[in-house]
PDB file of N, CA and C in Angstrom:
ATOM      1  N   MET A   1      17.709   4.289  -3.396  1.00  0.00           N
ATOM      2  CA  MET A   1      16.545   3.312  -2.687  1.00  0.00           C
ATOM      3  C   MET A   1      16.412   2.515  -4.687  1.00  0.00           C
ATOM      4  N   GLU A   2      15.944   1.472  -3.981  1.00  0.00           N
ATOM      5  CA  GLU A   2      15.827   0.521  -5.036  1.00  0.00           C
ATOM      6  C   GLU A   2      14.321   0.219  -4.977  1.00  0.00           C
ATOM      7  N   THR A   3      13.676   0.141  -6.029  1.00  0.00           N
ATOM      8  CA  THR A   3      12.111  -0.766  -6.081  1.00  0.00           C
ATOM      9  C   THR A   3      11.966  -1.783  -6.118  1.00  0.00           C
ATOM     10  N   ILE A   4      11.319  -2.789  -5.352  1.00  0.00           N
ATOM     11  CA  ILE A   4      11.168  -4.280  -5.824  1.00  0.00           C
ATOM     12  C   ILE A   4       9.973  -4.474  -5.928  1.00  0.00           C
ATOM     13  N   TYR A   5      10.091  -5.574  -6.934  1.00  0.00           N
ATOM     14  CA  TYR A   5       8.667  -6.379  -8.006  1.00  0.00           C
ATOM     15  C   TYR A   5       9.353  -7.622  -8.101  1.00  0.00           C
ATOM     16  N   THR A   6       8.747  -8.568  -7.955  1.00  0.00           N
ATOM     17  CA  THR A   6       8.540  -9.936  -7.826  1.00  0.00           C
ATOM     18  C   THR A   6       7.267 -10.443  -8.705  1.00  0.00           C
ATOM     19  N   LYS A   7       7.453 -11.464  -9.834  1.00  0.00           N
ATOM     20  CA  LYS A   7       6.006 -12.081  -9.968  1.00  0.00           C
ATOM     21  C   LYS A   7       5.704 -13.063  -8.956  1.00  0.00           C
ATOM     22  N   ASN A   8       6.246 -13.457  -7.774  1.00  0.00           N
ATOM     23  CA  ASN A   8       6.161 -14.288  -6.996  1.00  0.00           C
ATOM     24  C   ASN A   8       5.318 -13.776  -5.814  1.00  0.00           C
ATOM     25  N   ALA A   9       4.845 -12.715  -6.159  1.00  0.00           N
ATOM     26  CA  ALA A   9       4.113 -11.617  -4.727  1.00  0.00           C
ATOM     27  C   ALA A   9       2.909 -11.072  -5.904  1.00  0.00           C
ATOM     28  N   PRO A  10       2.002 -10.958  -4.286  1.00  0.00           N
ATOM     29  CA  PRO A  10       0.693 -10.168  -5.844  1.00  0.00           C
ATOM     30  C   PRO A  10       1.028  -8.359  -6.103  1.00  0.00           C
ATOM     31  N   ASP A  11       0.840  -8.298  -7.404  1.00  0.00           N
ATOM     32  CA  ASP A  11       0.673  -7.065  -7.749  1.00  0.00           C
ATOM     33  C   ASP A  11       0.256  -6.055  -6.783  1.00  0.00           C
ATOM     34  N   ALA A  12       0.874  -5.049  -7.363  1.00  0.00           N
ATOM     35  CA  ALA A  12       0.126  -3.720  -6.105  1.00  0.00           C
ATOM     36  C   ALA A  12      -1.150  -3.533  -6.559  1.00  0.00           C
ATOM     37  N   ILE A  13      -1.872  -3.201  -5.900  1.00  0.00           N
ATOM     38  CA  ILE A  13      -3.487  -2.597  -6.252  1.00  0.00           C
ATOM     39  C   ILE A  13      -3.671  -1.728  -6.314  1.00  0.00           C
ATOM     40  N   GLY A  14      -2.841  -0.611  -6.388  1.00  0.00           N
ATOM     41  CA  GLY A  14      -3.053   1.172  -5.873  1.00  0.00           C
ATOM     42  C   GLY A  14      -1.599   1.375  -6.316  1.00  0.00           C
ATOM     43  N   PRO A  15      -1.442   2.596  -6.194  1.00  0.00           N
ATOM     44  CA  PRO A  15      -0.357   3.045  -6.383  1.00  0.00           C
ATOM     45  C   PRO A  15       0.910   3.176  -5.612  1.00  0.00           C
ATOM     46  N   TYR A  16       1.552   1.906  -5.279  1.00  0.00           N
ATOM     47  CA  TYR A  16       2.718   1.578  -4.599  1.00  0.00           C
ATOM     48  C   TYR A  16       3.085   0.500  -4.667  1.00  0.00           C
ATOM     49  N   SER A  17       4.345   0.237  -4.354  1.00  0.00           N
ATOM     50  CA  SER A  17       5.682  -0.646  -4.688  1.00  0.00           C
ATOM     51  C   SER A  17       5.232  -1.892  -3.759  1.00  0.00           C
ATOM     52  N   GLN A  18       5.656  -2.916  -4.298  1.00  0.00           N
ATOM     53  CA  GLN A  18       5.924  -4.302  -3.486  1.00  0.00           C
ATOM     54  C   GLN A  18       6.317  -3.924  -2.163  1.00  0.00           C
ATOM     55  N   ALA A  19       7.869  -3.463  -2.589  1.00  0.00           N
ATOM     56  CA  ALA A  19       8.985  -3.207  -1.218  1.00  0.00           C
ATOM     57  C   ALA A  19      10.024  -2.342  -1.947  1.00  0.00           C
ATOM     58  N   LYS A  20      10.206  -1.354  -0.720  1.00  0.00           N
ATOM     59  CA  LYS A  20      11.415  -0.734  -1.409  1.00  0.00           C
ATOM     60  C   LYS A  20      12.797  -1.151  -0.278  1.00  0.00           C
ATOM     61  N   VAL A  21      14.059  -1.115  -1.076  1.00  0.00           N
ATOM     62  CA  VAL A  21      15.027  -1.056   0.189  1.00  0.00           C
ATOM     63  C   VAL A  21      15.862   0.032  -0.206  1.00  0.00           C
ATOM     64  N   VAL A  22      16.378   0.501   1.149  1.00  0.00           N
ATOM     65  CA  VAL A  22      17.250   1.344   1.152  1.00  0.00           C
ATOM     66  C   VAL A  22      17.754   1.420   3.074  1.00  0.00           C
ATOM     67  N   GLY A  23      19.155   1.723   2.599  1.00  0.00           N
ATOM     68  CA  GLY A  23      20.044   1.847   4.155  1.00  0.00           C
ATOM     69  C   GLY A  23      20.312   0.608   4.449  1.00  0.00           C
ATOM     70  N   GLY A  24      20.116  -0.584   3.993  1.00  0.00           N
ATOM     71  CA  GLY A  24      20.286  -1.862   4.379  1.00  0.00           C
ATOM     72  C   GLY A  24      19.253  -2.534   4.840  1.00  0.00           C
ATOM     73  N   LEU A  25      17.864  -1.822   4.617  1.00  0.00           N
ATOM     74  CA  LEU A  25      16.755  -2.413   5.227  1.00  0.00           C
ATOM     75  C   LEU A  25      15.801  -2.863   3.880  1.00  0.00           C
ATOM     76  N   VAL A  26      14.789  -3.585   4.055  1.00  0.00           N
ATOM     77  CA  VAL A  26      13.930  -3.508   3.322  1.00  0.00           C
ATOM     78  C   VAL A  26      12.059  -3.173   4.019  1.00  0.00           C
ATOM     79  N   PHE A  27      11.548  -2.720   3.633  1.00  0.00           N
ATOM     80  CA  PHE A  27      10.301  -2.297   3.994  1.00  0.00           C
ATOM     81  C   PHE A  27       9.512  -2.833   2.749  1.00  0.00           C
ATOM     82  N   THR A  28       8.389  -3.430   3.356  1.00  0.00           N
ATOM     83  CA  THR A  28       7.478  -4.523   2.152  1.00  0.00           C
ATOM     84  C   THR A  28       5.910  -3.429   2.951  1.00  0.00           C
ATOM     85  N   SER A  29       5.245  -3.585   1.573  1.00  0.00           N
ATOM     86  CA  SER A  29       4.341  -2.908   1.547  1.00  0.00           C
ATOM     87  C   SER A  29       3.417  -4.119   2.534  1.00  0.00           C
ATOM     88  N   GLY A  30       2.022  -3.952   3.042  1.00  0.00           N
ATOM     89  CA  GLY A  30       1.229  -4.699   3.320  1.00  0.00           C
ATOM     90  C   GLY A  30       0.785  -5.667   2.669  1.00  0.00           C
ATOM     91  N   GLN A  31       1.429  -7.384   2.607  1.00  0.00           N
ATOM     92  CA  GLN A  31       0.574  -8.192   1.582  1.00  0.00           C
ATOM     93  C   GLN A  31      -0.523  -8.888   2.252  1.00  0.00           C
ATOM     94  N   ILE A  32      -1.367  -9.319   1.630  1.00  0.00           N
ATOM     95  CA  ILE A  32      -2.469  -9.715   1.575  1.00  0.00           C
ATOM     96  C   ILE A  32      -2.657 -11.122   1.119  1.00  0.00           C
ATOM     97  N   ALA A  33      -3.898 -11.469   1.175  1.00  0.00           N
ATOM     98  CA  ALA A  33      -3.927 -13.109   0.931  1.00  0.00           C
ATOM     99  C   ALA A  33      -4.025 -13.038  -0.497  1.00  0.00           C
ATOM    100  N   ILE A  34      -3.630 -12.493  -1.055  1.00  0.00           N
ATOM    101  CA  ILE A  34      -3.815 -13.162  -2.993  1.00  0.00           C
ATOM    102  C   ILE A  34      -2.455 -14.023  -3.068  1.00  0.00           C
ATOM    103  N   ASP A  35      -3.421 -14.972  -4.337  1.00  0.00           N
ATOM    104  CA  ASP A  35      -2.367 -16.142  -4.648  1.00  0.00           C
ATOM    105  C   ASP A  35      -1.796 -15.258  -5.843  1.00  0.00           C
ATOM    106  N   PRO A  36      -0.295 -15.305  -6.181  1.00  0.00           N
ATOM    107  CA  PRO A  36       0.269 -14.508  -7.426  1.00  0.00           C
ATOM    108  C   PRO A  36      -0.086 -14.989  -8.537  1.00  0.00           C
ATOM    109  N   ALA A  37      -0.388 -16.298  -8.420  1.00  0.00           N
ATOM    110  CA  ALA A  37      -0.810 -17.059  -9.807  1.00  0.00           C
ATOM    111  C   ALA A  37      -1.966 -16.692 -10.218  1.00  0.00           C
ATOM    112  N   THR A  38      -3.351 -16.586  -9.292  1.00  0.00           N
ATOM    113  CA  THR A  38      -4.215 -16.577  -9.677  1.00  0.00           C
ATOM    114  C   THR A  38      -4.737 -15.028  -9.625  1.00  0.00           C
ATOM    115  N   GLY A  39      -4.321 -13.842  -8.911  1.00  0.00           N
ATOM    116  CA  GLY A  39      -4.395 -12.785  -8.623  1.00  0.00           C
ATOM    117  C   GLY A  39      -5.648 -13.037  -7.761  1.00  0.00           C
ATOM    118  N   ASN A  40      -6.228 -13.793  -6.993  1.00  0.00           N
ATOM    119  CA  ASN A  40      -7.469 -13.762  -6.600  1.00  0.00           C
ATOM    120  C   ASN A  40      -7.045 -14.492  -5.077  1.00  0.00           C
ATOM    121  N   VAL A  41      -7.944 -14.395  -4.192  1.00  0.00           N
ATOM    122  CA  VAL A  41      -8.039 -14.682  -2.703  1.00  0.00           C
ATOM    123  C   VAL A  41      -8.871 -15.771  -2.681  1.00  0.00           C
ATOM    124  N   GLU A  42      -7.579 -16.910  -2.616  1.00  0.00           N
ATOM    125  CA  GLU A  42      -8.097 -18.447  -2.530  1.00  0.00           C
ATOM    126  C   GLU A  42      -8.739 -18.937  -1.467  1.00  0.00           C
ATOM    127  N   ALA A  43      -8.144 -18.742  -0.686  1.00  0.00           N
ATOM    128  CA  ALA A  43      -8.021 -18.940   1.441  1.00  0.00           C
ATOM    129  C   ALA A  43      -9.366 -18.496   2.017  1.00  0.00           C
ATOM    130  N   ASP A  44     -10.367 -19.038   2.519  1.00  0.00           N
ATOM    131  CA  ASP A  44     -11.240 -18.350   3.560  1.00  0.00           C
ATOM    132  C   ASP A  44     -11.492 -18.403   4.729  1.00  0.00           C
ATOM    133  N   THR A  45     -10.426 -19.288   5.651  1.00  0.00           N
ATOM    134  CA  THR A  45      -9.859 -19.320   6.805  1.00  0.00           C
ATOM    135  C   THR A  45      -8.713 -18.138   6.971  1.00  0.00           C
ATOM    136  N   ILE A  46      -8.915 -18.180   8.701  1.00  0.00           N
ATOM    137  CA  ILE A  46      -7.533 -17.280   8.815  1.00  0.00           C
ATOM    138  C   ILE A  46      -6.298 -17.977   8.866  1.00  0.00           C
ATOM    139  N   GLU A  47      -6.282 -19.187   9.121  1.00  0.00           N
ATOM    140  CA  GLU A  47      -5.145 -20.134   9.123  1.00  0.00           C
ATOM    141  C   GLU A  47      -4.664 -20.289   7.558  1.00  0.00           C
ATOM    142  N   GLY A  48      -5.797 -20.307   6.423  1.00  0.00           N
ATOM    143  CA  GLY A  48      -5.240 -20.123   4.841  1.00  0.00           C
ATOM    144  C   GLY A  48      -5.039 -19.097   4.533  1.00  0.00           C
ATOM    145  N   GLN A  49      -5.409 -17.780   4.923  1.00  0.00           N
ATOM    146  CA  GLN A  49      -4.968 -16.533   4.462  1.00  0.00           C
ATOM    147  C   GLN A  49      -3.681 -16.243   4.750  1.00  0.00           C
ATOM    148  N   THR A  50      -3.666 -16.352   6.104  1.00  0.00           N
ATOM    149  CA  THR A  50      -1.777 -16.338   6.917  1.00  0.00           C
ATOM    150  C   THR A  50      -0.877 -17.312   6.266  1.00  0.00           C
ATOM    151  N   GLU A  51      -1.081 -18.371   5.797  1.00  0.00           N
ATOM    152  CA  GLU A  51      -0.449 -19.410   5.302  1.00  0.00           C
ATOM    153  C   GLU A  51       0.086 -18.040   3.732  1.00  0.00           C
ATOM    154  N   GLN A  52      -1.074 -18.123   2.614  1.00  0.00           N
ATOM    155  CA  GLN A  52      -0.866 -17.333   1.614  1.00  0.00           C
ATOM    156  C   GLN A  52      -0.087 -16.074   1.996  1.00  0.00           C
ATOM    157  N   VAL A  53      -0.528 -15.077   2.992  1.00  0.00           N
ATOM    158  CA  VAL A  53       0.422 -13.254   3.197  1.00  0.00           C
ATOM    159  C   VAL A  53       1.884 -13.933   3.643  1.00  0.00           C
ATOM    160  N   CYS A  54       2.357 -14.949   4.437  1.00  0.00           N
ATOM    161  CA  CYS A  54       3.562 -15.243   4.920  1.00  0.00           C
ATOM    162  C   CYS A  54       4.770 -15.995   3.418  1.00  0.00           C
ATOM    163  N   THR A  55       3.830 -16.895   3.275  1.00  0.00           N
ATOM    164  CA  THR A  55       4.222 -17.105   1.997  1.00  0.00           C
ATOM    165  C   THR A  55       4.666 -16.086   1.011  1.00  0.00           C
ATOM    166  N   ASN A  56       3.733 -14.842   0.582  1.00  0.00           N
ATOM    167  CA  ASN A  56       3.769 -13.867   0.066  1.00  0.00           C
ATOM    168  C   ASN A  56       4.948 -12.963   0.569  1.00  0.00           C
ATOM    169  N   LEU A  57       5.251 -13.296   1.837  1.00  0.00           N
ATOM    170  CA  LEU A  57       6.123 -12.048   2.303  1.00  0.00           C
ATOM    171  C   LEU A  57       7.468 -12.722   2.261  1.00  0.00           C
ATOM    172  N   LYS A  58       7.531 -14.098   2.522  1.00  0.00           N
ATOM    173  CA  LYS A  58       8.888 -14.704   1.753  1.00  0.00           C
ATOM    174  C   LYS A  58       9.221 -14.253   1.000  1.00  0.00           C
ATOM    175  N   ASN A  59       8.452 -14.848  -0.453  1.00  0.00           N
ATOM    176  CA  ASN A  59       8.537 -14.514  -1.487  1.00  0.00           C
ATOM    177  C   ASN A  59       9.394 -12.975  -1.997  1.00  0.00           C
ATOM    178  N   LEU A  60       9.121 -12.110  -1.478  1.00  0.00           N
ATOM    179  CA  LEU A  60       9.485 -10.967  -1.607  1.00  0.00           C
ATOM    180  C   LEU A  60      10.573 -10.445  -1.034  1.00  0.00           C
ATOM    181  N   LEU A  61      10.685 -10.868   0.459  1.00  0.00           N
ATOM    182  CA  LEU A  61      11.986 -10.818   1.123  1.00  0.00           C
ATOM    183  C   LEU A  61      12.922 -11.241   0.397  1.00  0.00           C
ATOM    184  N   GLU A  62      13.130 -12.535  -0.202  1.00  0.00           N
ATOM    185  CA  GLU A  62      14.063 -13.234  -1.192  1.00  0.00           C
ATOM    186  C   GLU A  62      14.531 -12.517  -2.309  1.00  0.00           C
ATOM    187  N   ALA A  63      13.075 -11.856  -3.230  1.00  0.00           N
ATOM    188  CA  ALA A  63      13.162 -11.249  -4.083  1.00  0.00           C
ATOM    189  C   ALA A  63      14.228  -9.655  -3.923  1.00  0.00           C
ATOM    190  N   SER A  64      13.629  -9.451  -2.590  1.00  0.00           N
ATOM    191  CA  SER A  64      14.794  -8.182  -1.881  1.00  0.00           C
ATOM    192  C   SER A  64      16.023  -8.544  -1.486  1.00  0.00           C
ATOM    193  N   GLY A  65      16.547  -9.872  -1.167  1.00  0.00           N
ATOM    194  CA  GLY A  65      17.857 -10.069  -0.978  1.00  0.00           C
ATOM    195  C   GLY A  65      17.837 -10.310   0.701  1.00  0.00           C
ATOM    196  N   SER A  66      16.579 -10.615   1.358  1.00  0.00           N
ATOM    197  CA  SER A  66      16.415 -11.090   2.381  1.00  0.00           C
ATOM    198  C   SER A  66      16.191 -12.339   2.946  1.00  0.00           C
ATOM    199  N   SER A  67      15.015 -12.262   4.092  1.00  0.00           N
ATOM    200  CA  SER A  67      14.493 -13.591   4.422  1.00  0.00           C
ATOM    201  C   SER A  67      13.663 -13.156   5.301  1.00  0.00           C
ATOM    202  N   LEU A  68      12.914 -14.044   5.856  1.00  0.00           N
ATOM    203  CA  LEU A  68      12.297 -13.944   7.262  1.00  0.00           C
ATOM    204  C   LEU A  68      13.208 -13.819   8.345  1.00  0.00           C
ATOM    205  N   GLU A  69      13.746 -14.648   8.078  1.00  0.00           N
ATOM    206  CA  GLU A  69      15.021 -14.742   9.657  1.00  0.00           C
ATOM    207  C   GLU A  69      15.373 -13.656   9.647  1.00  0.00           C
ATOM    208  N   LYS A  70      15.891 -12.405   8.842  1.00  0.00           N
ATOM    209  CA  LYS A  70      15.942 -11.311   8.915  1.00  0.00           C
ATOM    210  C   LYS A  70      15.273 -10.344   9.408  1.00  0.00           C
ATOM    211  N   ALA A  71      13.772 -10.922   9.481  1.00  0.00           N
ATOM    212  CA  ALA A  71      12.782  -9.657   9.752  1.00  0.00           C
ATOM    213  C   ALA A  71      13.390  -9.513  11.032  1.00  0.00           C
ATOM    214  N   VAL A  72      12.829  -7.558  11.018  1.00  0.00           N
ATOM    215  CA  VAL A  72      13.172  -6.874  12.166  1.00  0.00           C
ATOM    216  C   VAL A  72      12.137  -6.850  13.195  1.00  0.00           C
ATOM    217  N   LYS A  73      11.004  -6.105  12.022  1.00  0.00           N
ATOM    218  CA  LYS A  73       9.678  -5.625  12.843  1.00  0.00           C
ATOM    219  C   LYS A  73       8.451  -6.084  12.007  1.00  0.00           C
ATOM    220  N   THR A  74       7.584  -6.467  12.373  1.00  0.00           N
ATOM    221  CA  THR A  74       6.306  -6.890  11.474  1.00  0.00           C
ATOM    222  C   THR A  74       4.973  -6.098  12.016  1.00  0.00           C
ATOM    223  N   VAL A  75       4.451  -5.296  11.341  1.00  0.00           N
ATOM    224  CA  VAL A  75       2.924  -4.564  11.458  1.00  0.00           C
ATOM    225  C   VAL A  75       1.592  -5.928  11.181  1.00  0.00           C
ATOM    226  N   CYS A  76       0.951  -6.354  12.388  1.00  0.00           N
ATOM    227  CA  CYS A  76      -0.097  -7.648  11.513  1.00  0.00           C
ATOM    228  C   CYS A  76      -1.671  -6.712  11.712  1.00  0.00           C
ATOM    229  N   PHE A  77      -2.424  -6.815  11.209  1.00  0.00           N
ATOM    230  CA  PHE A  77      -3.354  -6.403  10.613  1.00  0.00           C
ATOM    231  C   PHE A  77      -4.632  -7.388  10.596  1.00  0.00           C
ATOM    232  N   LEU A  78      -5.978  -7.566  11.763  1.00  0.00           N
ATOM    233  CA  LEU A  78      -6.594  -8.099  11.720  1.00  0.00           C
ATOM    234  C   LEU A  78      -8.134  -7.926  11.606  1.00  0.00           C
ATOM    235  N   ALA A  79      -8.859  -8.719  10.723  1.00  0.00           N
ATOM    236  CA  ALA A  79     -10.275  -8.261  10.576  1.00  0.00           C
ATOM    237  C   ALA A  79     -11.007  -8.669  12.019  1.00  0.00           C
ATOM    238  N   ASP A  80     -10.717  -9.592  12.726  1.00  0.00           N
ATOM    239  CA  ASP A  80     -11.124 -10.051  13.878  1.00  0.00           C
ATOM    240  C   ASP A  80     -10.083 -10.700  14.662  1.00  0.00           C
ATOM    241  N   MET A  81     -10.111  -9.812  16.102  1.00  0.00           N
ATOM    242  CA  MET A  81      -9.620 -10.311  17.062  1.00  0.00           C
ATOM    243  C   MET A  81      -9.184 -11.383  17.538  1.00  0.00           C
ATOM    244  N   GLY A  82     -10.285 -11.823  17.494  1.00  0.00           N
ATOM    245  CA  GLY A  82     -10.841 -13.544  17.818  1.00  0.00           C
ATOM    246  C   GLY A  82      -9.780 -14.182  16.875  1.00  0.00           C
ATOM    247  N   ASP A  83      -9.739 -13.781  15.859  1.00  0.00           N
ATOM    248  CA  ASP A  83      -8.717 -14.541  15.284  1.00  0.00           C
ATOM    249  C   ASP A  83      -6.900 -14.820  15.857  1.00  0.00           C
ATOM    250  N   PHE A  84      -6.522 -14.090  16.853  1.00  0.00           N
ATOM    251  CA  PHE A  84      -5.215 -14.105  17.157  1.00  0.00           C
ATOM    252  C   PHE A  84      -4.506 -14.991  17.487  1.00  0.00           C
ATOM    253  N   GLY A  85      -5.542 -16.064  18.235  1.00  0.00           N
ATOM    254  CA  GLY A  85      -4.478 -17.276  18.472  1.00  0.00           C
ATOM    255  C   GLY A  85      -4.319 -18.474  17.054  1.00  0.00           C
ATOM    256  N   ALA A  86      -5.428 -18.341  16.444  1.00  0.00           N
ATOM    257  CA  ALA A  86      -5.258 -18.883  14.697  1.00  0.00           C
ATOM    258  C   ALA A  86      -4.231 -18.469  14.108  1.00  0.00           C
ATOM    259  N   PHE A  87      -3.975 -16.713  14.097  1.00  0.00           N
ATOM    260  CA  PHE A  87      -3.293 -16.353  13.334  1.00  0.00           C
ATOM    261  C   PHE A  87      -2.223 -16.413  13.535  1.00  0.00           C
ATOM    262  N   ASN A  88      -1.631 -16.511  15.153  1.00  0.00           N
ATOM    263  CA  ASN A  88      -0.136 -16.654  15.719  1.00  0.00           C
ATOM    264  C   ASN A  88       0.053 -18.018  16.012  1.00  0.00           C
ATOM    265  N   GLU A  89      -0.696 -18.910  15.231  1.00  0.00           N
ATOM    266  CA  GLU A  89      -0.110 -20.400  14.924  1.00  0.00           C
ATOM    267  C   GLU A  89       0.725 -20.825  13.887  1.00  0.00           C
ATOM    268  N   VAL A  90       0.256 -19.806  12.724  1.00  0.00           N
ATOM    269  CA  VAL A  90       0.491 -20.046  11.757  1.00  0.00           C
ATOM    270  C   VAL A  90       1.972 -18.733  11.217  1.00  0.00           C
ATOM    271  N   TYR A  91       1.284 -17.977  12.038  1.00  0.00           N
ATOM    272  CA  TYR A  91       2.715 -17.170  11.751  1.00  0.00           C
ATOM    273  C   TYR A  91       4.337 -17.669  12.307  1.00  0.00           C
ATOM    274  N   GLY A  92       3.492 -18.121  13.499  1.00  0.00           N
ATOM    275  CA  GLY A  92       4.921 -18.239  14.247  1.00  0.00           C
ATOM    276  C   GLY A  92       5.856 -19.385  13.723  1.00  0.00           C
ATOM    277  N   LYS A  93       4.931 -19.876  12.559  1.00  0.00           N
ATOM    278  CA  LYS A  93       5.964 -21.242  11.648  1.00  0.00           C
ATOM    279  C   LYS A  93       7.052 -20.437  10.636  1.00  0.00           C
ATOM    280  N   TYR A  94       6.411 -19.245  10.196  1.00  0.00           N
ATOM    281  CA  TYR A  94       6.973 -18.394   9.757  1.00  0.00           C
ATOM    282  C   TYR A  94       8.610 -17.641  10.428  1.00  0.00           C
ATOM    283  N   PHE A  95       7.694 -16.947  10.756  1.00  0.00           N
ATOM    284  CA  PHE A  95       8.521 -15.718  12.257  1.00  0.00           C
ATOM    285  C   PHE A  95       9.454 -16.395  13.299  1.00  0.00           C
ATOM    286  N   THR A  96      10.321 -17.143  12.836  1.00  0.00           N
ATOM    287  CA  THR A  96      10.771 -18.157  13.841  1.00  0.00           C
ATOM    288  C   THR A  96      11.973 -17.180  14.623  1.00  0.00           C
ATOM    289  N   SER A  97      12.140 -16.474  13.954  1.00  0.00           N
ATOM    290  CA  SER A  97      13.139 -15.117  14.764  1.00  0.00           C
ATOM    291  C   SER A  97      12.720 -14.215  15.555  1.00  0.00           C
ATOM    292  N   LYS A  98      11.197 -14.403  15.709  1.00  0.00           N
ATOM    293  CA  LYS A  98      10.603 -13.629  16.662  1.00  0.00           C
ATOM    294  C   LYS A  98      10.732 -12.305  16.827  1.00  0.00           C
ATOM    295  N   PRO A  99      10.340 -11.506  15.442  1.00  0.00           N
ATOM    296  CA  PRO A  99      10.719 -10.303  15.346  1.00  0.00           C
ATOM    297  C   PRO A  99       9.769  -9.363  16.185  1.00  0.00           C
ATOM    298  N   ALA A 100      10.367  -7.812  16.190  1.00  0.00           N
ATOM    299  CA  ALA A 100       9.356  -7.014  17.359  1.00  0.00           C
ATOM    300  C   ALA A 100       8.556  -6.972  16.415  1.00  0.00           C
ATOM    301  N   ARG A 101       7.418  -6.914  16.901  1.00  0.00           N
ATOM    302  CA  ARG A 101       5.449  -6.804  16.266  1.00  0.00           C
ATOM    303  C   ARG A 101       4.553  -5.809  17.217  1.00  0.00           C
ATOM    304  N   SER A 102       3.608  -5.650  16.157  1.00  0.00           N
ATOM    305  CA  SER A 102       2.420  -4.748  16.458  1.00  0.00           C
ATOM    306  C   SER A 102       1.199  -5.354  15.423  1.00  0.00           C
ATOM    307  N   CYS A 103       0.300  -5.861  16.067  1.00  0.00           N
ATOM    308  CA  CYS A 103      -1.061  -6.570  16.016  1.00  0.00           C
ATOM    309  C   CYS A 103      -2.190  -5.686  16.047  1.00  0.00           C
ATOM    310  N   VAL A 104      -2.863  -5.577  15.439  1.00  0.00           N
ATOM    311  CA  VAL A 104      -4.265  -4.614  16.060  1.00  0.00           C
ATOM    312  C   VAL A 104      -5.385  -5.433  14.668  1.00  0.00           C
ATOM    313  N   ALA A 105      -6.437  -4.741  15.548  1.00  0.00           N
ATOM    314  CA  ALA A 105      -8.165  -5.590  14.790  1.00  0.00           C
ATOM    315  C   ALA A 105      -8.284  -4.333  13.910  1.00  0.00           C
ATOM    316  N   VAL A 106      -8.591  -4.173  13.006  1.00  0.00           N
ATOM    317  CA  VAL A 106      -8.861  -3.325  11.945  1.00  0.00           C
ATOM    318  C   VAL A 106     -10.448  -2.983  11.275  1.00  0.00           C
ATOM    319  N   LYS A 107     -11.333  -2.234  11.000  1.00  0.00           N
ATOM    320  CA  LYS A 107     -13.137  -2.210  10.752  1.00  0.00           C
ATOM    321  C   LYS A 107     -12.443  -3.367   9.237  1.00  0.00           C
ATOM    322  N   THR A 108     -12.085  -2.706   8.387  1.00  0.00           N
ATOM    323  CA  THR A 108     -11.828  -3.716   6.653  1.00  0.00           C
ATOM    324  C   THR A 108     -10.729  -3.962   6.532  1.00  0.00           C
ATOM    325  N   LEU A 109     -10.228  -4.537   5.807  1.00  0.00           N
ATOM    326  CA  LEU A 109      -9.103  -4.611   4.980  1.00  0.00           C
ATOM    327  C   LEU A 109      -9.265  -4.865   3.575  1.00  0.00           C
ATOM    328  N   PRO A 110      -8.308  -4.445   2.464  1.00  0.00           N
ATOM    329  CA  PRO A 110      -8.657  -4.593   1.500  1.00  0.00           C
ATOM    330  C   PRO A 110      -9.169  -6.105   0.931  1.00  0.00           C
ATOM    331  N   LYS A 111     -10.094  -6.312  -0.384  1.00  0.00           N
ATOM    332  CA  LYS A 111     -10.526  -7.320  -0.825  1.00  0.00           C
ATOM    333  C   LYS A 111     -11.648  -8.066   0.225  1.00  0.00           C
ATOM    334  N   ASN A 112     -12.073  -7.598   1.470  1.00  0.00           N
ATOM    335  CA  ASN A 112     -11.805  -8.139   2.511  1.00  0.00           C
ATOM    336  C   ASN A 112     -11.370  -9.064   3.461  1.00  0.00           C
ATOM    337  N   VAL A 113      -9.964  -8.985   3.273  1.00  0.00           N
ATOM    338  CA  VAL A 113      -9.413 -10.211   3.531  1.00  0.00           C
ATOM    339  C   VAL A 113      -9.285 -10.250   5.668  1.00  0.00           C
ATOM    340  N   LEU A 114      -8.714 -11.637   5.746  1.00  0.00           N
ATOM    341  CA  LEU A 114      -8.889 -11.403   7.272  1.00  0.00           C
ATOM    342  C   LEU A 114      -7.522 -10.854   8.094  1.00  0.00           C
ATOM    343  N   VAL A 115      -6.399 -11.257   7.041  1.00  0.00           N
ATOM    344  CA  VAL A 115      -5.430 -10.190   7.578  1.00  0.00           C
ATOM    345  C   VAL A 115      -4.864  -9.901   6.715  1.00  0.00           C
ATOM    346  N   GLU A 116      -3.264  -8.629   7.317  1.00  0.00           N
ATOM    347  CA  GLU A 116      -2.437  -8.271   6.229  1.00  0.00           C
ATOM    348  C   GLU A 116      -1.224  -8.029   6.898  1.00  0.00           C
ATOM    349  N   VAL A 117      -0.487  -8.361   6.767  1.00  0.00           N
ATOM    350  CA  VAL A 117       0.817  -8.107   7.349  1.00  0.00           C
ATOM    351  C   VAL A 117       2.230  -7.661   6.599  1.00  0.00           C
ATOM    352  N   GLU A 118       2.816  -6.397   6.976  1.00  0.00           N
ATOM    353  CA  GLU A 118       3.788  -5.830   6.586  1.00  0.00           C
ATOM    354  C   GLU A 118       5.175  -5.981   7.495  1.00  0.00           C
ATOM    355  N   VAL A 119       6.329  -5.733   6.632  1.00  0.00           N
ATOM    356  CA  VAL A 119       7.943  -6.017   7.061  1.00  0.00           C
ATOM    357  C   VAL A 119       8.933  -5.094   7.171  1.00  0.00           C
ATOM    358  N   ILE A 120       9.750  -4.905   8.179  1.00  0.00           N
ATOM    359  CA  ILE A 120      10.803  -4.225   7.597  1.00  0.00           C
ATOM    360  C   ILE A 120      12.032  -5.586   8.449  1.00  0.00           C
ATOM    361  N   ALA A 121      13.121  -5.759   7.473  1.00  0.00           N
ATOM    362  CA  ALA A 121      13.773  -6.989   6.783  1.00  0.00           C
ATOM    363  C   ALA A 121      15.496  -5.964   7.303  1.00  0.00           C
ATOM    364  N   GLU A 122      16.648  -6.416   7.895  1.00  0.00           N
ATOM    365  CA  GLU A 122      17.984  -6.497   7.040  1.00  0.00           C
ATOM    366  C   GLU A 122      18.081  -6.783   5.754  1.00  0.00           C
ATOM    367  N   VAL A 123      18.876  -6.415   4.855  1.00  0.00           N
ATOM    368  CA  VAL A 123      19.269  -6.545   3.724  1.00  0.00           C
ATOM    369  C   VAL A 123      20.095  -8.277   3.614  1.00  0.00           C
TER     370      VAL A 123
END
């Protein structure tokens, strides 16, 4: 098992790794809309936050030797299911291979962000 770290994705805000590679797969921790350059949530719209989340995931997967195109499964958490359509518009630009996906609404996300996404991908 290999632990992945990149400065191009946000540091973990708890006792966990950004990602782990095991058995030819990479498992990312949930990524929220933190800009790794500033350590802050810069966007306040679902579109802006989804862009940041997808950029963080792209960078993390690349650091793992993978890519968005190799995504097998995503799990998506929205603070408001009313944002589903706008979220899908941005998500679809990044996950063009259409991995399997779950998407649920949750009561609250860390740092009160609007979206969190985790990925399982082939290395």
